[in-house]
Amino acid sequence: MKSSFKFAKRVEVDTEENVLPLINIVFLLLIFFLVAGAITIPELFYVEPPISDSETSVLPTETTVLINEDGQISFQNELIELNELHALATKIINEDSLQTFKLKVDAYVGSGKAIEAMEILRNAGVRKTLLITTKEG
């Protein structure tokens, strides 16, 4: 007795062709995130800010002053001396009188250095200086 059922022929599907577009997309995403992550400019040297109880957030500003534990000062990612800070800040304020300055002083530097830098910025005409700290906890 012969069966009248006819089975369809099995068609082999090449699975490599289906995986290639997925691999392309993954590599494109990888390249995108590598490029997008490299856009921020790293700070000239590491500064560990002091701890604070305040919960105010830091506004993004373009003018940054760093003071590390050795007393080195960075203004806009360039090493400077403390006596140069007034002239550089005055130049920025003459271009934009409402410019906000971020002052990031290492926790191991005495408060005198931070106060001295803030006074120099105030004397240069800076109206708003943000002292960067980290939250306790």
C-alpha atoms as a PDB file:
ATOM      1  CA  MET A   1       0.000   0.000   0.000  1.00  0.00           C
ATOM      2  CA  LYS A   2       1.431   3.242  -1.122  1.00  0.00           C
ATOM      3  CA  SER A   3       0.947   6.376   0.949  1.00  0.00           C
ATOM      4  CA  SER A   4      -0.630   9.347  -0.763  1.00  0.00           C
ATOM      5  CA  PHE A   5       0.978  11.901   1.550  1.00  0.00           C
ATOM      6  CA  LYS A   6       3.666  14.006   0.006  1.00  0.00           C
ATOM      7  CA  PHE A   7       6.109  15.660   2.324  1.00  0.00           C
ATOM      8  CA  ALA A   8       7.724  18.902   1.376  1.00  0.00           C
ATOM      9  CA  LYS A   9      11.407  18.771   0.762  1.00  0.00           C
ATOM     10  CA  ARG A  10      13.502  20.042   3.581  1.00  0.00           C
ATOM     11  CA  VAL A  11      15.133  23.357   2.696  1.00  0.00           C
ATOM     12  CA  GLU A  12      18.391  24.127   4.416  1.00  0.00           C
ATOM     13  CA  VAL A  13      18.644  27.702   5.687  1.00  0.00           C
ATOM     14  CA  ASP A  14      22.052  29.278   5.958  1.00  0.00           C
ATOM     15  CA  THR A  15      22.080  30.679   9.520  1.00  0.00           C
ATOM     16  CA  GLU A  16      25.260  32.656   8.955  1.00  0.00           C
ATOM     17  CA  GLU A  17      23.400  35.035   6.647  1.00  0.00           C
ATOM     18  CA  ASN A  18      20.912  35.856   9.420  1.00  0.00           C
ATOM     19  CA  VAL A  19      23.615  36.565  12.021  1.00  0.00           C
ATOM     20  CA  LEU A  20      25.769  38.913   9.911  1.00  0.00           C
ATOM     21  CA  PRO A  21      23.428  41.964  10.116  1.00  0.00           C
ATOM     22  CA  LEU A  22      23.224  41.517  13.887  1.00  0.00           C
ATOM     23  CA  ILE A  23      27.010  41.437  14.190  1.00  0.00           C
ATOM     24  CA  ASN A  24      27.250  44.581  12.034  1.00  0.00           C
ATOM     25  CA  ILE A  25      24.792  46.422  14.261  1.00  0.00           C
ATOM     26  CA  VAL A  26      26.626  45.365  17.428  1.00  0.00           C
ATOM     27  CA  PHE A  27      29.942  46.623  16.059  1.00  0.00           C
ATOM     28  CA  LEU A  28      28.385  49.917  14.955  1.00  0.00           C
ATOM     29  CA  LEU A  29      26.930  50.414  18.452  1.00  0.00           C
ATOM     30  CA  LEU A  30      30.304  49.595  19.999  1.00  0.00           C
ATOM     31  CA  ILE A  31      32.044  52.185  17.822  1.00  0.00           C
ATOM     32  CA  PHE A  32      29.352  54.766  18.607  1.00  0.00           C
ATOM     33  CA  PHE A  33      29.723  54.359  22.367  1.00  0.00           C
ATOM     34  CA  LEU A  34      33.517  54.424  22.166  1.00  0.00           C
ATOM     35  CA  VAL A  35      33.434  57.704  20.261  1.00  0.00           C
ATOM     36  CA  ALA A  36      30.643  59.247  22.355  1.00  0.00           C
ATOM     37  CA  GLY A  37      32.416  58.334  25.595  1.00  0.00           C
ATOM     38  CA  ALA A  38      35.647  60.005  24.496  1.00  0.00           C
ATOM     39  CA  ILE A  39      34.067  63.425  23.917  1.00  0.00           C
ATOM     40  CA  THR A  40      34.551  64.698  27.492  1.00  0.00           C
ATOM     41  CA  ILE A  41      37.919  66.274  28.203  1.00  0.00           C
ATOM     42  CA  PRO A  42      39.644  64.697  31.200  1.00  0.00           C
ATOM     43  CA  GLU A  43      40.896  66.965  33.988  1.00  0.00           C
ATOM     44  CA  LEU A  44      44.604  67.766  34.056  1.00  0.00           C
ATOM     45  CA  PHE A  45      45.126  65.973  37.381  1.00  0.00           C
ATOM     46  CA  TYR A  46      42.987  64.101  39.900  1.00  0.00           C
ATOM     47  CA  VAL A  47      41.472  66.148  42.721  1.00  0.00           C
ATOM     48  CA  GLU A  48      39.517  64.535  45.556  1.00  0.00           C
ATOM     49  CA  PRO A  49      36.958  67.128  46.690  1.00  0.00           C
ATOM     50  CA  PRO A  50      36.071  67.446  50.383  1.00  0.00           C
ATOM     51  CA  ILE A  51      32.907  65.873  51.807  1.00  0.00           C
ATOM     52  CA  SER A  52      29.802  68.026  52.257  1.00  0.00           C
ATOM     53  CA  ASP A  53      26.338  67.605  53.766  1.00  0.00           C
ATOM     54  CA  SER A  54      24.831  69.863  51.103  1.00  0.00           C
ATOM     55  CA  GLU A  55      22.743  68.213  48.414  1.00  0.00           C
ATOM     56  CA  THR A  56      22.956  70.906  45.751  1.00  0.00           C
ATOM     57  CA  SER A  57      23.829  69.645  42.318  1.00  0.00           C
ATOM     58  CA  VAL A  58      26.634  71.035  40.190  1.00  0.00           C
ATOM     59  CA  LEU A  59      25.603  73.063  37.175  1.00  0.00           C
ATOM     60  CA  PRO A  60      27.627  72.406  34.046  1.00  0.00           C
ATOM     61  CA  THR A  61      29.987  75.317  33.485  1.00  0.00           C
ATOM     62  CA  GLU A  62      32.916  75.808  31.191  1.00  0.00           C
ATOM     63  CA  THR A  63      35.351  77.566  33.537  1.00  0.00           C
ATOM     64  CA  THR A  64      37.074  75.235  36.004  1.00  0.00           C
ATOM     65  CA  VAL A  65      39.836  75.884  38.520  1.00  0.00           C
ATOM     66  CA  LEU A  66      41.506  72.839  40.097  1.00  0.00           C
ATOM     67  CA  ILE A  67      43.897  72.806  43.058  1.00  0.00           C
ATOM     68  CA  ASN A  68      45.513  69.458  43.840  1.00  0.00           C
ATOM     69  CA  GLU A  69      47.037  68.307  47.124  1.00  0.00           C
ATOM     70  CA  ASP A  70      50.498  69.540  46.046  1.00  0.00           C
ATOM     71  CA  GLY A  71      49.129  73.058  45.528  1.00  0.00           C
ATOM     72  CA  GLN A  72      49.324  72.928  41.723  1.00  0.00           C
ATOM     73  CA  ILE A  73      46.635  75.009  40.040  1.00  0.00           C
ATOM     74  CA  SER A  74      44.901  74.208  36.769  1.00  0.00           C
ATOM     75  CA  PHE A  75      42.782  76.784  34.932  1.00  0.00           C
ATOM     76  CA  GLN A  76      40.836  75.421  31.966  1.00  0.00           C
ATOM     77  CA  ASN A  77      43.097  72.322  31.951  1.00  0.00           C
ATOM     78  CA  GLU A  78      46.362  74.293  31.865  1.00  0.00           C
ATOM     79  CA  LEU A  79      48.859  74.536  34.729  1.00  0.00           C
ATOM     80  CA  ILE A  80      49.186  78.073  36.053  1.00  0.00           C
ATOM     81  CA  GLU A  81      50.587  79.891  39.064  1.00  0.00           C
ATOM     82  CA  LEU A  82      48.248  81.418  41.647  1.00  0.00           C
ATOM     83  CA  ASN A  83      49.287  84.960  40.671  1.00  0.00           C
ATOM     84  CA  GLU A  84      48.137  84.304  37.061  1.00  0.00           C
ATOM     85  CA  LEU A  85      44.594  83.390  38.157  1.00  0.00           C
ATOM     86  CA  HIS A  86      43.398  86.998  38.500  1.00  0.00           C
ATOM     87  CA  ALA A  87      44.379  87.988  34.959  1.00  0.00           C
ATOM     88  CA  LEU A  88      42.889  84.853  33.394  1.00  0.00           C
ATOM     89  CA  ALA A  89      39.627  85.173  35.353  1.00  0.00           C
ATOM     90  CA  THR A  90      39.367  88.867  34.442  1.00  0.00           C
ATOM     91  CA  LYS A  91      39.735  87.969  30.754  1.00  0.00           C
ATOM     92  CA  ILE A  92      36.890  85.420  31.008  1.00  0.00           C
ATOM     93  CA  ILE A  93      34.661  87.869  32.937  1.00  0.00           C
ATOM     94  CA  ASN A  94      35.254  90.602  30.341  1.00  0.00           C
ATOM     95  CA  GLU A  95      33.912  88.211  27.682  1.00  0.00           C
ATOM     96  CA  ASP A  96      30.956  86.959  29.783  1.00  0.00           C
ATOM     97  CA  SER A  97      30.202  88.828  33.007  1.00  0.00           C
ATOM     98  CA  LEU A  98      27.718  86.155  34.168  1.00  0.00           C
ATOM     99  CA  GLN A  99      30.182  83.265  33.801  1.00  0.00           C
ATOM    100  CA  THR A 100      30.104  80.767  36.680  1.00  0.00           C
ATOM    101  CA  PHE A 101      33.407  79.354  37.903  1.00  0.00           C
ATOM    102  CA  LYS A 102      33.844  75.863  39.372  1.00  0.00           C
ATOM    103  CA  LEU A 103      36.512  75.648  42.075  1.00  0.00           C
ATOM    104  CA  LYS A 104      37.564  72.086  42.828  1.00  0.00           C
ATOM    105  CA  VAL A 105      40.094  71.907  45.663  1.00  0.00           C
ATOM    106  CA  ASP A 106      41.579  68.663  46.974  1.00  0.00           C
ATOM    107  CA  ALA A 107      40.307  67.658  50.424  1.00  0.00           C
ATOM    108  CA  TYR A 108      43.878  67.443  51.720  1.00  0.00           C
ATOM    109  CA  VAL A 109      44.689  71.047  50.853  1.00  0.00           C
ATOM    110  CA  GLY A 110      44.176  73.525  53.672  1.00  0.00           C
ATOM    111  CA  SER A 111      41.121  75.743  53.471  1.00  0.00           C
ATOM    112  CA  GLY A 112      43.411  78.787  53.218  1.00  0.00           C
ATOM    113  CA  LYS A 113      44.340  77.908  49.630  1.00  0.00           C
ATOM    114  CA  ALA A 114      40.652  77.594  48.659  1.00  0.00           C
ATOM    115  CA  ILE A 115      39.761  80.888  50.352  1.00  0.00           C
ATOM    116  CA  GLU A 116      42.704  82.615  48.675  1.00  0.00           C
ATOM    117  CA  ALA A 117      41.593  81.342  45.246  1.00  0.00           C
ATOM    118  CA  MET A 118      37.982  82.429  45.911  1.00  0.00           C
ATOM    119  CA  GLU A 119      39.162  85.923  46.918  1.00  0.00           C
ATOM    120  CA  ILE A 120      41.239  86.204  43.756  1.00  0.00           C
ATOM    121  CA  LEU A 121      38.220  85.196  41.664  1.00  0.00           C
ATOM    122  CA  ARG A 122      35.980  87.661  43.529  1.00  0.00           C
ATOM    123  CA  ASN A 123      38.507  90.478  43.024  1.00  0.00           C
ATOM    124  CA  ALA A 124      38.626  89.605  39.312  1.00  0.00           C
ATOM    125  CA  GLY A 125      34.868  90.244  39.102  1.00  0.00           C
ATOM    126  CA  VAL A 126      33.521  86.692  39.303  1.00  0.00           C
ATOM    127  CA  ARG A 127      29.972  86.869  40.678  1.00  0.00           C
ATOM    128  CA  LYS A 128      29.341  83.157  41.173  1.00  0.00           C
ATOM    129  CA  THR A 129      31.857  80.542  42.281  1.00  0.00           C
ATOM    130  CA  LEU A 130      30.817  76.934  42.920  1.00  0.00           C
ATOM    131  CA  LEU A 131      32.985  75.050  45.410  1.00  0.00           C
ATOM    132  CA  ILE A 132      32.816  71.401  44.327  1.00  0.00           C
ATOM    133  CA  THR A 133      32.395  68.847  47.121  1.00  0.00           C
ATOM    134  CA  THR A 134      31.328  65.216  47.416  1.00  0.00           C
ATOM    135  CA  LYS A 135      28.351  64.004  49.423  1.00  0.00           C
ATOM    136  CA  GLU A 136      29.093  62.265  52.697  1.00  0.00           C
ATOM    137  CA  GLY A 137      28.153  58.631  52.844  1.00  0.00           C
END
